[in-house]
Amino acid sequence: MSVVLLRPSSGHRRGRKASAPTPTLSRLLHPAARPGVLRAGDRVGVAESLAADLPWDGLLGRLASAPPGRRVWERVAASQSWEAWAIGWTVGAALEPHDHGGSSGALAIALGDLVETTVRSGEAGEIRTTTTVLERGTSHSFGPHHIHAVANVATSPAISVHVYSPRLASMTHFDVVGGRLSPQRTVRYRAHR
């Protein structure tokens, strides 16, 4: 299995030489170098490693110039069976309830705080939600049927790292209509090399 490491758009941590590898390749490859879809613990391990190791200067610069309520993102690592994205959240940025097109995932908070609302249908089809504040340093994994909404309701920007396995092919966005989840649109993604 080959792993492609993608450099953040610009910037390095202060004091780090430009020739230093980012992120630490050995941390990224173990245990994720195994072929096939990543297990939950492996997804979380990759997300946590990237959240801890990547310099965020470039993404923070893009966030500073983005209007409030917007997100910015970039793919930061990929293999044949998984990929990782860094998402920057300006103050007020939010993403409505969505799934991950059958991919399992993990997320780790690298900077700031986000609010995640998990949405699921109860036994009678009614909507049930659980809301959690995700603080810097927290992480968790989720399965292929996970539907959630994420928002930055804090007073400063946030950065999260998301790992999807298999690689993200689509996302369906939902509204709640008549107390039930109603699919509104599906976005399909081309495979990145």
N, C-alpha and C. Protein backbone atom coordinates (compact mmCIF):
# COMPACT_ATOMS: atom_id res chain seq x y z
N MET A 1 0.85 -1.17 0.00
CA MET A 1 0.00 0.00 0.00
C MET A 1 0.89 1.23 0.00
N SER A 2 0.56 2.19 -0.82
CA SER A 2 1.33 3.42 -0.82
C SER A 2 0.53 4.51 -0.11
N VAL A 3 1.25 5.38 0.56
CA VAL A 3 0.63 6.49 1.26
C VAL A 3 1.17 7.77 0.67
N VAL A 4 0.30 8.69 0.35
CA VAL A 4 0.70 9.97 -0.18
C VAL A 4 0.54 10.99 0.93
N LEU A 5 1.61 11.68 1.25
CA LEU A 5 1.53 12.76 2.22
C LEU A 5 1.48 14.07 1.46
N LEU A 6 0.51 14.87 1.77
CA LEU A 6 0.34 16.14 1.10
C LEU A 6 0.71 17.25 2.06
N ARG A 7 1.50 18.18 1.61
CA ARG A 7 1.92 19.29 2.46
C ARG A 7 0.75 20.26 2.64
N PRO A 8 0.60 20.81 3.83
CA PRO A 8 -0.38 21.88 4.00
C PRO A 8 -0.05 23.01 3.03
N SER A 9 -1.01 23.86 2.74
CA SER A 9 -0.86 24.85 1.69
C SER A 9 0.33 25.77 1.87
N SER A 10 0.70 26.14 3.07
CA SER A 10 1.91 26.92 3.29
C SER A 10 2.19 26.98 4.77
N GLY A 11 3.42 27.35 5.08
CA GLY A 11 3.79 27.57 6.47
C GLY A 11 4.33 26.35 7.15
N HIS A 12 5.16 26.60 8.13
CA HIS A 12 5.74 25.58 8.98
C HIS A 12 5.68 26.07 10.41
N ARG A 13 5.75 25.14 11.34
CA ARG A 13 5.85 25.56 12.74
C ARG A 13 7.12 26.36 12.92
N ARG A 14 7.09 27.31 13.80
CA ARG A 14 8.29 28.08 14.09
C ARG A 14 9.38 27.16 14.60
N GLY A 15 10.57 27.39 14.12
CA GLY A 15 11.70 26.60 14.58
C GLY A 15 11.87 25.28 13.84
N ARG A 16 10.94 24.89 13.04
CA ARG A 16 11.05 23.64 12.29
C ARG A 16 11.65 23.94 10.93
N LYS A 17 12.66 23.19 10.55
CA LYS A 17 13.30 23.39 9.26
C LYS A 17 12.38 22.89 8.16
N ALA A 18 12.46 23.54 7.00
CA ALA A 18 11.60 23.17 5.88
C ALA A 18 11.84 21.74 5.42
N SER A 19 13.04 21.20 5.66
CA SER A 19 13.34 19.86 5.21
C SER A 19 12.81 18.78 6.15
N ALA A 20 12.31 19.17 7.31
CA ALA A 20 11.79 18.18 8.26
C ALA A 20 10.51 17.58 7.72
N PRO A 21 10.34 16.25 7.81
CA PRO A 21 9.11 15.64 7.31
C PRO A 21 7.92 16.03 8.16
N THR A 22 6.80 16.29 7.49
CA THR A 22 5.57 16.66 8.17
C THR A 22 4.43 15.91 7.53
N PRO A 23 3.66 15.11 8.23
CA PRO A 23 3.83 14.71 9.62
C PRO A 23 4.88 13.61 9.76
N THR A 24 5.09 13.16 10.99
CA THR A 24 6.06 12.11 11.24
C THR A 24 5.57 10.85 10.52
N LEU A 25 6.29 10.46 9.48
CA LEU A 25 5.85 9.37 8.62
C LEU A 25 5.65 8.07 9.39
N SER A 26 6.55 7.76 10.31
CA SER A 26 6.41 6.49 11.03
C SER A 26 5.13 6.46 11.86
N ARG A 27 4.75 7.59 12.44
CA ARG A 27 3.51 7.63 13.22
C ARG A 27 2.31 7.47 12.30
N LEU A 28 2.37 8.05 11.11
CA LEU A 28 1.25 7.96 10.19
C LEU A 28 1.09 6.55 9.65
N LEU A 29 2.20 5.89 9.34
CA LEU A 29 2.12 4.58 8.70
C LEU A 29 1.80 3.45 9.65
N HIS A 30 2.03 3.63 10.92
CA HIS A 30 1.73 2.53 11.84
C HIS A 30 0.51 2.91 12.67
N PRO A 31 -0.54 2.10 12.68
CA PRO A 31 -0.75 0.80 12.04
C PRO A 31 -1.47 0.91 10.71
N ALA A 32 -1.62 2.09 10.16
CA ALA A 32 -2.45 2.28 8.98
C ALA A 32 -1.84 1.75 7.69
N ALA A 33 -0.61 1.28 7.72
CA ALA A 33 0.02 0.78 6.50
C ALA A 33 -0.54 -0.56 6.06
N ARG A 34 -1.30 -1.20 6.91
CA ARG A 34 -1.89 -2.47 6.52
C ARG A 34 -2.88 -2.23 5.38
N PRO A 35 -2.94 -3.16 4.42
CA PRO A 35 -3.89 -2.98 3.33
C PRO A 35 -5.33 -3.13 3.81
N GLY A 36 -6.25 -2.56 3.07
CA GLY A 36 -7.66 -2.69 3.39
C GLY A 36 -8.21 -1.50 4.13
N VAL A 37 -9.48 -1.58 4.45
CA VAL A 37 -10.19 -0.51 5.14
C VAL A 37 -9.67 -0.40 6.57
N LEU A 38 -9.48 0.81 7.05
CA LEU A 38 -8.97 1.02 8.40
C LEU A 38 -10.03 0.71 9.45
N ARG A 39 -9.62 0.06 10.51
CA ARG A 39 -10.50 -0.17 11.65
C ARG A 39 -10.64 1.13 12.44
N ALA A 40 -11.62 1.15 13.35
CA ALA A 40 -11.92 2.38 14.11
C ALA A 40 -10.69 2.93 14.83
N GLY A 41 -9.97 2.09 15.55
CA GLY A 41 -8.80 2.56 16.28
C GLY A 41 -7.71 3.10 15.38
N ASP A 42 -7.55 2.48 14.22
CA ASP A 42 -6.55 2.96 13.26
C ASP A 42 -6.95 4.31 12.68
N ARG A 43 -8.25 4.49 12.39
CA ARG A 43 -8.71 5.78 11.88
C ARG A 43 -8.46 6.88 12.90
N VAL A 44 -8.79 6.60 14.16
CA VAL A 44 -8.57 7.59 15.22
C VAL A 44 -7.08 7.87 15.37
N GLY A 45 -6.25 6.84 15.30
CA GLY A 45 -4.80 7.03 15.42
C GLY A 45 -4.24 7.93 14.34
N VAL A 46 -4.69 7.73 13.11
CA VAL A 46 -4.23 8.59 12.01
C VAL A 46 -4.72 10.02 12.23
N ALA A 47 -5.99 10.18 12.58
CA ALA A 47 -6.55 11.53 12.80
C ALA A 47 -5.81 12.25 13.92
N GLU A 48 -5.57 11.56 15.03
CA GLU A 48 -4.86 12.18 16.17
C GLU A 48 -3.43 12.54 15.79
N SER A 49 -2.75 11.65 15.07
CA SER A 49 -1.38 11.90 14.67
C SER A 49 -1.29 13.14 13.77
N LEU A 50 -2.16 13.22 12.80
CA LEU A 50 -2.15 14.38 11.91
C LEU A 50 -2.52 15.65 12.66
N ALA A 51 -3.51 15.58 13.54
CA ALA A 51 -3.92 16.77 14.30
C ALA A 51 -2.77 17.28 15.16
N ALA A 52 -1.96 16.37 15.69
CA ALA A 52 -0.85 16.77 16.56
C ALA A 52 0.38 17.22 15.78
N ASP A 53 0.59 16.65 14.59
CA ASP A 53 1.86 16.85 13.88
C ASP A 53 1.86 17.91 12.79
N LEU A 54 0.74 18.19 12.18
CA LEU A 54 0.74 19.10 11.04
C LEU A 54 0.85 20.56 11.48
N PRO A 55 1.60 21.37 10.73
CA PRO A 55 1.60 22.81 11.00
C PRO A 55 0.34 23.43 10.42
N TRP A 56 -0.29 24.32 11.14
CA TRP A 56 -1.58 24.86 10.71
C TRP A 56 -1.49 26.29 10.21
N ASP A 57 -0.30 26.84 10.03
CA ASP A 57 -0.16 28.23 9.60
C ASP A 57 -0.90 28.52 8.30
N GLY A 58 -0.76 27.66 7.31
CA GLY A 58 -1.40 27.89 6.01
C GLY A 58 -2.91 27.87 6.10
N LEU A 59 -3.46 26.88 6.78
CA LEU A 59 -4.91 26.79 6.92
C LEU A 59 -5.44 27.95 7.77
N LEU A 60 -4.70 28.33 8.81
CA LEU A 60 -5.11 29.48 9.62
C LEU A 60 -5.11 30.77 8.81
N GLY A 61 -4.14 30.91 7.91
CA GLY A 61 -4.11 32.07 7.03
C GLY A 61 -5.33 32.12 6.12
N ARG A 62 -5.72 30.97 5.58
CA ARG A 62 -6.92 30.92 4.75
C ARG A 62 -8.17 31.21 5.57
N LEU A 63 -8.21 30.73 6.82
CA LEU A 63 -9.35 31.01 7.69
C LEU A 63 -9.47 32.50 7.99
N ALA A 64 -8.33 33.14 8.19
CA ALA A 64 -8.34 34.57 8.52
C ALA A 64 -8.93 35.41 7.40
N SER A 65 -8.77 34.95 6.17
CA SER A 65 -9.30 35.72 5.04
C SER A 65 -10.69 35.24 4.58
N ALA A 66 -11.19 34.19 5.19
CA ALA A 66 -12.52 33.67 4.82
C ALA A 66 -13.61 34.44 5.57
N PRO A 67 -14.75 34.65 4.94
CA PRO A 67 -15.84 35.33 5.64
C PRO A 67 -16.37 34.48 6.79
N PRO A 68 -16.93 35.12 7.82
CA PRO A 68 -17.53 34.35 8.92
C PRO A 68 -18.58 33.38 8.37
N GLY A 69 -18.68 32.23 9.03
CA GLY A 69 -19.67 31.24 8.63
C GLY A 69 -19.20 30.30 7.54
N ARG A 70 -17.94 30.38 7.13
CA ARG A 70 -17.41 29.54 6.05
C ARG A 70 -16.42 28.51 6.58
N ARG A 71 -16.23 27.47 5.78
CA ARG A 71 -15.21 26.46 6.06
C ARG A 71 -14.18 26.48 4.94
N VAL A 72 -12.96 26.07 5.26
CA VAL A 72 -11.92 25.85 4.26
C VAL A 72 -11.35 24.46 4.54
N TRP A 73 -10.90 23.79 3.50
CA TRP A 73 -10.42 22.42 3.70
C TRP A 73 -9.32 22.09 2.72
N GLU A 74 -8.55 21.06 3.09
CA GLU A 74 -7.54 20.52 2.20
C GLU A 74 -7.28 19.07 2.59
N ARG A 75 -7.02 18.26 1.57
CA ARG A 75 -6.66 16.86 1.82
C ARG A 75 -5.20 16.85 2.25
N VAL A 76 -4.90 16.19 3.36
CA VAL A 76 -3.55 16.22 3.92
C VAL A 76 -2.82 14.88 3.85
N ALA A 77 -3.53 13.79 3.61
CA ALA A 77 -2.88 12.48 3.47
C ALA A 77 -3.86 11.54 2.79
N ALA A 78 -3.32 10.54 2.08
CA ALA A 78 -4.19 9.59 1.40
C ALA A 78 -3.44 8.31 1.10
N SER A 79 -4.18 7.23 1.02
CA SER A 79 -3.68 5.95 0.53
C SER A 79 -4.74 5.41 -0.41
N GLN A 80 -4.58 4.17 -0.83
CA GLN A 80 -5.59 3.59 -1.72
C GLN A 80 -6.90 3.35 -1.00
N SER A 81 -6.87 3.18 0.32
CA SER A 81 -8.09 2.78 1.03
C SER A 81 -8.57 3.81 2.05
N TRP A 82 -7.89 4.92 2.24
CA TRP A 82 -8.34 5.93 3.17
C TRP A 82 -7.78 7.29 2.75
N GLU A 83 -8.39 8.34 3.30
CA GLU A 83 -7.88 9.69 3.07
C GLU A 83 -8.17 10.54 4.30
N ALA A 84 -7.37 11.60 4.46
CA ALA A 84 -7.53 12.50 5.60
C ALA A 84 -7.66 13.93 5.09
N TRP A 85 -8.58 14.66 5.69
CA TRP A 85 -8.84 16.05 5.34
C TRP A 85 -8.73 16.91 6.58
N ALA A 86 -8.15 18.08 6.45
CA ALA A 86 -8.17 19.10 7.50
C ALA A 86 -9.24 20.11 7.11
N ILE A 87 -10.10 20.43 8.05
CA ILE A 87 -11.17 21.40 7.81
C ILE A 87 -11.02 22.53 8.80
N GLY A 88 -10.96 23.75 8.27
CA GLY A 88 -10.92 24.94 9.10
C GLY A 88 -12.31 25.54 9.17
N TRP A 89 -12.71 25.91 10.37
CA TRP A 89 -14.06 26.42 10.63
C TRP A 89 -13.95 27.86 11.13
N THR A 90 -14.48 28.82 10.37
CA THR A 90 -14.54 30.19 10.88
C THR A 90 -15.62 30.24 11.96
N VAL A 91 -15.65 31.34 12.69
CA VAL A 91 -16.70 31.53 13.69
C VAL A 91 -18.05 31.50 12.98
N GLY A 92 -18.97 30.68 13.48
CA GLY A 92 -20.29 30.56 12.90
C GLY A 92 -20.42 29.55 11.77
N ALA A 93 -19.32 28.93 11.36
CA ALA A 93 -19.39 27.92 10.29
C ALA A 93 -20.15 26.69 10.79
N ALA A 94 -20.98 26.13 9.92
CA ALA A 94 -21.77 24.96 10.29
C ALA A 94 -22.03 24.12 9.06
N LEU A 95 -22.16 22.84 9.26
CA LEU A 95 -22.53 21.91 8.20
C LEU A 95 -23.75 21.14 8.68
N GLU A 96 -24.83 21.21 7.88
CA GLU A 96 -26.10 20.57 8.25
C GLU A 96 -25.92 19.06 8.37
N PRO A 97 -26.94 18.36 8.88
CA PRO A 97 -26.82 16.91 9.01
C PRO A 97 -26.43 16.27 7.67
N HIS A 98 -25.46 15.36 7.74
CA HIS A 98 -24.95 14.69 6.53
C HIS A 98 -24.38 13.33 6.90
N ASP A 99 -24.32 12.47 5.91
CA ASP A 99 -23.65 11.18 6.11
C ASP A 99 -22.32 11.21 5.37
N HIS A 100 -21.69 10.06 5.23
CA HIS A 100 -20.38 9.99 4.59
C HIS A 100 -20.37 8.93 3.49
N GLY A 101 -21.55 8.73 2.89
CA GLY A 101 -21.67 7.88 1.72
C GLY A 101 -21.23 6.45 1.91
N GLY A 102 -21.37 5.91 3.11
CA GLY A 102 -20.96 4.53 3.36
C GLY A 102 -19.54 4.39 3.86
N SER A 103 -18.78 5.48 3.94
CA SER A 103 -17.44 5.43 4.52
C SER A 103 -17.52 5.52 6.03
N SER A 104 -16.66 4.81 6.71
CA SER A 104 -16.49 5.00 8.15
C SER A 104 -15.50 6.14 8.34
N GLY A 105 -15.50 6.74 9.51
CA GLY A 105 -14.62 7.89 9.69
C GLY A 105 -14.13 8.05 11.10
N ALA A 106 -13.31 9.05 11.26
CA ALA A 106 -12.83 9.49 12.57
C ALA A 106 -12.57 10.98 12.46
N LEU A 107 -12.68 11.66 13.58
CA LEU A 107 -12.30 13.07 13.58
C LEU A 107 -11.54 13.37 14.86
N ALA A 108 -10.62 14.32 14.73
CA ALA A 108 -9.83 14.79 15.86
C ALA A 108 -9.80 16.32 15.79
N ILE A 109 -9.90 16.95 16.94
CA ILE A 109 -9.91 18.41 16.99
C ILE A 109 -8.48 18.89 17.24
N ALA A 110 -7.95 19.64 16.27
CA ALA A 110 -6.58 20.14 16.35
C ALA A 110 -6.51 21.51 17.00
N LEU A 111 -7.57 22.31 16.85
CA LEU A 111 -7.57 23.68 17.36
C LEU A 111 -9.00 24.11 17.61
N GLY A 112 -9.24 24.76 18.72
CA GLY A 112 -10.56 25.29 19.02
C GLY A 112 -11.53 24.22 19.50
N ASP A 113 -12.80 24.55 19.45
CA ASP A 113 -13.89 23.66 19.87
C ASP A 113 -14.95 23.63 18.77
N LEU A 114 -15.57 22.47 18.60
CA LEU A 114 -16.70 22.32 17.70
C LEU A 114 -17.84 21.66 18.45
N VAL A 115 -19.04 21.83 17.95
CA VAL A 115 -20.22 21.16 18.49
C VAL A 115 -20.69 20.16 17.44
N GLU A 116 -20.85 18.91 17.86
CA GLU A 116 -21.34 17.86 16.97
C GLU A 116 -22.70 17.39 17.47
N THR A 117 -23.66 17.36 16.56
CA THR A 117 -24.98 16.81 16.87
C THR A 117 -25.18 15.56 16.02
N THR A 118 -25.23 14.42 16.70
CA THR A 118 -25.46 13.15 16.03
C THR A 118 -26.96 12.97 15.88
N VAL A 119 -27.39 12.59 14.67
CA VAL A 119 -28.81 12.46 14.36
C VAL A 119 -29.08 11.00 13.98
N ARG A 120 -30.10 10.43 14.58
CA ARG A 120 -30.48 9.06 14.24
C ARG A 120 -32.00 8.93 14.36
N SER A 121 -32.51 7.91 13.72
CA SER A 121 -33.94 7.65 13.78
C SER A 121 -34.22 6.67 14.92
N GLY A 122 -35.27 6.96 15.69
CA GLY A 122 -35.69 6.06 16.76
C GLY A 122 -36.49 4.89 16.18
N GLU A 123 -36.97 4.04 17.06
CA GLU A 123 -37.71 2.84 16.63
C GLU A 123 -38.94 3.18 15.81
N ALA A 124 -39.61 4.27 16.12
CA ALA A 124 -40.82 4.65 15.38
C ALA A 124 -40.50 5.63 14.25
N GLY A 125 -39.21 5.82 13.93
CA GLY A 125 -38.82 6.72 12.86
C GLY A 125 -38.64 8.15 13.29
N GLU A 126 -38.89 8.45 14.57
CA GLU A 126 -38.71 9.81 15.06
C GLU A 126 -37.21 10.14 15.15
N ILE A 127 -36.92 11.42 15.12
CA ILE A 127 -35.53 11.88 15.18
C ILE A 127 -35.06 11.93 16.63
N ARG A 128 -33.87 11.40 16.85
CA ARG A 128 -33.19 11.50 18.15
C ARG A 128 -31.84 12.15 17.92
N THR A 129 -31.48 13.07 18.79
CA THR A 129 -30.19 13.74 18.63
C THR A 129 -29.39 13.68 19.93
N THR A 130 -28.09 13.70 19.77
CA THR A 130 -27.15 13.82 20.89
C THR A 130 -26.15 14.90 20.51
N THR A 131 -26.00 15.89 21.35
CA THR A 131 -25.08 16.99 21.08
C THR A 131 -23.89 16.91 22.03
N THR A 132 -22.69 17.05 21.46
CA THR A 132 -21.45 16.95 22.22
C THR A 132 -20.54 18.10 21.85
N VAL A 133 -19.90 18.71 22.84
CA VAL A 133 -18.86 19.70 22.59
C VAL A 133 -17.55 18.94 22.41
N LEU A 134 -16.91 19.15 21.27
CA LEU A 134 -15.63 18.52 20.97
C LEU A 134 -14.54 19.56 21.17
N GLU A 135 -13.75 19.37 22.21
CA GLU A 135 -12.68 20.31 22.54
C GLU A 135 -11.37 19.88 21.89
N ARG A 136 -10.44 20.82 21.81
CA ARG A 136 -9.12 20.52 21.27
C ARG A 136 -8.56 19.27 21.94
N GLY A 137 -8.04 18.35 21.13
CA GLY A 137 -7.45 17.12 21.65
C GLY A 137 -8.42 15.96 21.73
N THR A 138 -9.72 16.20 21.52
CA THR A 138 -10.66 15.08 21.56
C THR A 138 -10.77 14.45 20.18
N SER A 139 -11.15 13.19 20.17
CA SER A 139 -11.32 12.47 18.91
C SER A 139 -12.33 11.35 19.12
N HIS A 140 -12.88 10.87 18.02
CA HIS A 140 -13.74 9.69 18.07
C HIS A 140 -13.89 9.14 16.66
N SER A 141 -14.38 7.91 16.59
CA SER A 141 -14.62 7.29 15.29
C SER A 141 -16.12 7.07 15.11
N PHE A 142 -16.52 6.81 13.88
CA PHE A 142 -17.92 6.53 13.61
C PHE A 142 -18.02 5.57 12.44
N GLY A 143 -19.16 4.89 12.37
CA GLY A 143 -19.38 3.88 11.36
C GLY A 143 -19.98 4.44 10.09
N PRO A 144 -20.26 3.57 9.13
CA PRO A 144 -20.70 4.00 7.80
C PRO A 144 -22.12 4.58 7.75
N HIS A 145 -22.90 4.44 8.80
CA HIS A 145 -24.28 4.96 8.79
C HIS A 145 -24.44 6.19 9.68
N HIS A 146 -23.34 6.77 10.12
CA HIS A 146 -23.34 7.92 11.02
C HIS A 146 -23.83 9.16 10.29
N ILE A 147 -24.78 9.85 10.90
CA ILE A 147 -25.27 11.14 10.39
C ILE A 147 -25.05 12.16 11.49
N HIS A 148 -24.40 13.26 11.13
CA HIS A 148 -24.16 14.29 12.14
C HIS A 148 -24.13 15.68 11.49
N ALA A 149 -24.28 16.68 12.34
CA ALA A 149 -24.11 18.08 11.98
C ALA A 149 -22.97 18.59 12.84
N VAL A 150 -22.16 19.50 12.28
CA VAL A 150 -21.01 20.03 13.00
C VAL A 150 -21.04 21.54 12.87
N ALA A 151 -20.70 22.25 13.97
CA ALA A 151 -20.72 23.71 13.94
C ALA A 151 -19.64 24.28 14.85
N ASN A 152 -19.17 25.46 14.49
CA ASN A 152 -18.28 26.22 15.34
C ASN A 152 -19.10 27.35 15.95
N VAL A 153 -19.50 27.17 17.21
CA VAL A 153 -20.28 28.19 17.90
C VAL A 153 -19.42 28.98 18.87
N ALA A 154 -18.11 28.75 18.84
CA ALA A 154 -17.16 29.45 19.71
C ALA A 154 -16.85 30.83 19.13
N THR A 155 -15.97 31.55 19.79
CA THR A 155 -15.62 32.90 19.34
C THR A 155 -14.28 32.95 18.63
N SER A 156 -13.71 31.78 18.31
CA SER A 156 -12.45 31.73 17.56
C SER A 156 -12.50 30.57 16.58
N PRO A 157 -11.65 30.58 15.55
CA PRO A 157 -11.65 29.53 14.55
C PRO A 157 -11.31 28.16 15.15
N ALA A 158 -11.66 27.12 14.42
CA ALA A 158 -11.35 25.75 14.83
C ALA A 158 -10.80 24.99 13.63
N ILE A 159 -10.02 23.94 13.92
CA ILE A 159 -9.52 23.05 12.87
C ILE A 159 -9.77 21.62 13.33
N SER A 160 -10.33 20.82 12.43
CA SER A 160 -10.56 19.41 12.70
C SER A 160 -9.91 18.59 11.60
N VAL A 161 -9.52 17.36 11.95
CA VAL A 161 -8.95 16.42 10.98
C VAL A 161 -9.93 15.26 10.86
N HIS A 162 -10.28 14.91 9.62
CA HIS A 162 -11.25 13.86 9.34
C HIS A 162 -10.58 12.78 8.50
N VAL A 163 -10.72 11.53 8.92
CA VAL A 163 -10.16 10.40 8.19
C VAL A 163 -11.33 9.53 7.74
N TYR A 164 -11.37 9.20 6.45
CA TYR A 164 -12.44 8.38 5.89
C TYR A 164 -11.86 7.12 5.27
N SER A 165 -12.49 5.98 5.58
CA SER A 165 -12.07 4.71 5.01
C SER A 165 -13.31 3.85 4.80
N PRO A 166 -13.57 3.41 3.55
CA PRO A 166 -12.81 3.74 2.35
C PRO A 166 -12.91 5.23 2.05
N ARG A 167 -12.14 5.66 1.06
CA ARG A 167 -12.09 7.08 0.72
C ARG A 167 -13.49 7.62 0.45
N LEU A 168 -13.70 8.86 0.79
CA LEU A 168 -15.01 9.50 0.68
C LEU A 168 -15.43 9.59 -0.79
N ALA A 169 -16.56 8.99 -1.12
CA ALA A 169 -17.08 9.01 -2.49
C ALA A 169 -18.30 9.91 -2.62
N SER A 170 -19.04 10.08 -1.52
CA SER A 170 -20.24 10.93 -1.58
C SER A 170 -20.65 11.33 -0.16
N MET A 171 -21.47 12.36 -0.10
CA MET A 171 -22.11 12.79 1.15
C MET A 171 -23.54 13.17 0.81
N THR A 172 -24.49 12.68 1.61
CA THR A 172 -25.87 13.09 1.46
C THR A 172 -26.20 14.05 2.60
N HIS A 173 -26.80 15.17 2.25
CA HIS A 173 -27.19 16.19 3.22
C HIS A 173 -28.68 16.04 3.49
N PHE A 174 -29.07 16.23 4.75
CA PHE A 174 -30.44 15.98 5.18
C PHE A 174 -31.05 17.22 5.82
N ASP A 175 -32.37 17.29 5.75
CA ASP A 175 -33.17 18.22 6.55
C ASP A 175 -34.09 17.36 7.41
N VAL A 176 -34.62 17.96 8.44
CA VAL A 176 -35.64 17.29 9.25
C VAL A 176 -36.98 17.85 8.78
N VAL A 177 -37.80 16.97 8.21
CA VAL A 177 -39.10 17.36 7.66
C VAL A 177 -40.16 16.50 8.32
N GLY A 178 -41.11 17.14 8.98
CA GLY A 178 -42.16 16.39 9.65
C GLY A 178 -41.63 15.45 10.72
N GLY A 179 -40.53 15.86 11.39
CA GLY A 179 -39.96 15.04 12.45
C GLY A 179 -39.14 13.87 11.97
N ARG A 180 -38.87 13.81 10.67
CA ARG A 180 -38.08 12.70 10.11
C ARG A 180 -36.94 13.25 9.25
N LEU A 181 -35.89 12.43 9.11
CA LEU A 181 -34.78 12.80 8.23
C LEU A 181 -35.22 12.71 6.79
N SER A 182 -34.94 13.76 6.03
CA SER A 182 -35.30 13.79 4.62
C SER A 182 -34.05 14.13 3.81
N PRO A 183 -33.57 13.20 2.95
CA PRO A 183 -32.40 13.50 2.11
C PRO A 183 -32.71 14.68 1.19
N GLN A 184 -31.81 15.65 1.11
CA GLN A 184 -32.01 16.83 0.28
C GLN A 184 -31.15 16.83 -0.97
N ARG A 185 -29.87 16.45 -0.82
CA ARG A 185 -28.98 16.41 -1.98
C ARG A 185 -27.80 15.50 -1.65
N THR A 186 -27.28 14.88 -2.68
CA THR A 186 -26.09 14.05 -2.54
C THR A 186 -24.99 14.64 -3.39
N VAL A 187 -23.83 14.85 -2.77
CA VAL A 187 -22.65 15.36 -3.47
C VAL A 187 -21.73 14.17 -3.71
N ARG A 188 -21.31 13.99 -4.95
CA ARG A 188 -20.40 12.89 -5.28
C ARG A 188 -19.02 13.46 -5.52
N TYR A 189 -18.00 12.73 -5.10
CA TYR A 189 -16.62 13.17 -5.21
C TYR A 189 -15.86 12.27 -6.15
N ARG A 190 -15.00 12.88 -6.97
CA ARG A 190 -14.11 12.11 -7.83
C ARG A 190 -12.98 11.56 -6.99
N ALA A 191 -12.48 10.41 -7.38
CA ALA A 191 -11.35 9.83 -6.67
C ALA A 191 -10.13 10.71 -6.92
N HIS A 192 -9.46 11.06 -5.84
CA HIS A 192 -8.22 11.83 -5.92
C HIS A 192 -7.05 10.88 -6.02
N ARG A 193 -6.07 11.21 -6.76
CA ARG A 193 -4.86 10.38 -6.86
C ARG A 193 -3.86 10.82 -5.85
